[in-house]
Amino acid sequence: MGPRIVIVGADFGDTGDQAIRVGLEHLAAGFAQGMHVVYVLDVNDAPSPTEQPAADPDAPTIALVLSSLMRRVSAIAAHEHLPFHGDLVRVEVRKGDV
């Protein structure tokens, strides 16, 4: 069996923060060997798969969300006195209908 990964949905609100805290607790207790934090960027007018734009207009927003998520995970770990190992935490932004 491979490593156990905790997948956490983040929304920059209290519920998402609680999910991040629980994920960090699982890491600290050894119940998981990694954590993926996922945020969904709501894109109502996403191009169809055949309409690929030359550059992703959401790229700056995605970069900002990624860095904000990692800072948030680190801040929650510090606030809750939980160990934070950035190499065990992966943040990801998906685009779609929330």
Protein backbone atom coordinates (compact mmCIF):
# COMPACT_ATOMS: atom_id res chain seq x y z
CA MET A 1 0.00 0.00 0.00
CA GLY A 2 1.31 3.46 -0.88
CA PRO A 3 1.58 6.46 1.39
CA ARG A 4 -1.61 7.87 2.87
CA ILE A 5 -2.42 11.31 1.57
CA VAL A 6 -4.98 13.61 3.19
CA ILE A 7 -6.93 15.69 0.66
CA VAL A 8 -8.26 18.95 2.06
CA GLY A 9 -10.68 21.34 0.41
CA ALA A 10 -9.83 24.97 1.13
CA ASP A 11 -12.14 27.94 0.79
CA PHE A 12 -10.31 30.68 2.76
CA GLY A 13 -13.03 30.50 5.39
CA ASP A 14 -13.52 28.92 8.81
CA THR A 15 -14.58 25.54 7.42
CA GLY A 16 -11.55 25.32 5.14
CA ASP A 17 -9.25 26.37 7.98
CA GLN A 18 -10.71 23.64 10.18
CA ALA A 19 -10.11 21.08 7.42
CA ILE A 20 -6.50 22.27 7.07
CA ARG A 21 -6.02 21.97 10.84
CA VAL A 22 -7.35 18.41 10.85
CA GLY A 23 -5.09 17.52 7.94
CA LEU A 24 -2.08 18.94 9.77
CA GLU A 25 -3.06 16.98 12.87
CA HIS A 26 -3.13 13.78 10.78
CA LEU A 27 0.35 14.57 9.49
CA ALA A 28 1.66 15.30 12.98
CA ALA A 29 0.20 12.06 14.37
CA GLY A 30 1.65 9.98 11.53
CA PHE A 31 -1.77 8.97 10.15
CA ALA A 32 -0.81 10.51 6.81
CA GLN A 33 2.46 10.98 5.01
CA GLY A 34 1.31 13.94 2.92
CA MET A 35 -1.45 16.48 2.47
CA HIS A 36 -2.94 17.99 -0.68
CA VAL A 37 -4.81 21.26 -0.21
CA VAL A 38 -7.16 21.97 -3.10
CA TYR A 39 -8.94 25.21 -3.95
CA VAL A 40 -11.45 25.48 -6.80
CA LEU A 41 -11.35 28.72 -8.77
CA ASP A 42 -14.90 29.30 -9.97
CA VAL A 43 -14.78 29.90 -13.70
CA ASN A 44 -18.24 30.38 -15.15
CA ASP A 45 -17.08 31.23 -18.67
CA ALA A 46 -14.34 28.66 -19.11
CA PRO A 47 -13.50 27.96 -22.75
CA SER A 48 -14.57 24.63 -24.15
CA PRO A 49 -11.79 22.06 -24.60
CA THR A 50 -11.57 22.96 -28.31
CA GLU A 51 -11.14 26.68 -27.53
CA GLN A 52 -7.67 26.65 -26.01
CA PRO A 53 -6.46 30.23 -25.40
CA ALA A 54 -2.80 30.98 -26.12
CA ALA A 55 -2.20 31.99 -22.49
CA ASP A 56 -4.24 31.29 -19.38
CA PRO A 57 -5.84 34.60 -18.33
CA ASP A 58 -6.30 33.17 -14.82
CA ALA A 59 -2.58 32.42 -14.35
CA PRO A 60 -1.88 35.49 -12.13
CA THR A 61 -4.89 34.67 -9.94
CA ILE A 62 -3.86 31.02 -9.67
CA ALA A 63 -0.31 31.99 -8.68
CA LEU A 64 -1.68 34.33 -5.98
CA VAL A 65 -4.04 31.66 -4.63
CA LEU A 66 -1.25 29.05 -4.54
CA SER A 67 1.07 31.26 -2.52
CA SER A 68 -1.79 32.38 -0.25
CA LEU A 69 -2.78 28.77 0.41
CA MET A 70 0.73 27.74 1.42
CA ARG A 71 1.04 30.77 3.72
CA ARG A 72 -2.34 29.95 5.23
CA VAL A 73 -1.37 26.33 5.92
CA SER A 74 1.87 27.51 7.54
CA ALA A 75 0.03 30.11 9.65
CA ILE A 76 -2.56 27.57 10.84
CA ALA A 77 0.22 25.15 11.80
CA ALA A 78 1.98 27.88 13.78
CA HIS A 79 -1.24 29.03 15.47
CA GLU A 80 -2.16 25.46 16.45
CA HIS A 81 1.43 24.61 17.50
CA LEU A 82 1.58 21.83 14.91
CA PRO A 83 4.73 20.93 12.99
CA PHE A 84 4.81 22.24 9.43
CA HIS A 85 6.80 20.40 6.81
CA GLY A 86 6.32 22.22 3.53
CA ASP A 87 7.71 19.27 1.59
CA LEU A 88 4.77 17.14 2.80
CA VAL A 89 2.12 19.69 1.77
CA ARG A 90 1.06 20.22 -1.82
CA VAL A 91 -1.30 23.05 -2.76
CA GLU A 92 -3.32 22.96 -5.93
CA VAL A 93 -5.81 25.18 -7.71
CA ARG A 94 -8.41 23.64 -9.98
CA LYS A 95 -10.65 25.66 -12.27
CA GLY A 96 -14.30 24.80 -12.61
CA ASP A 97 -17.78 25.10 -11.24
CA VAL A 98 -17.59 25.13 -7.45
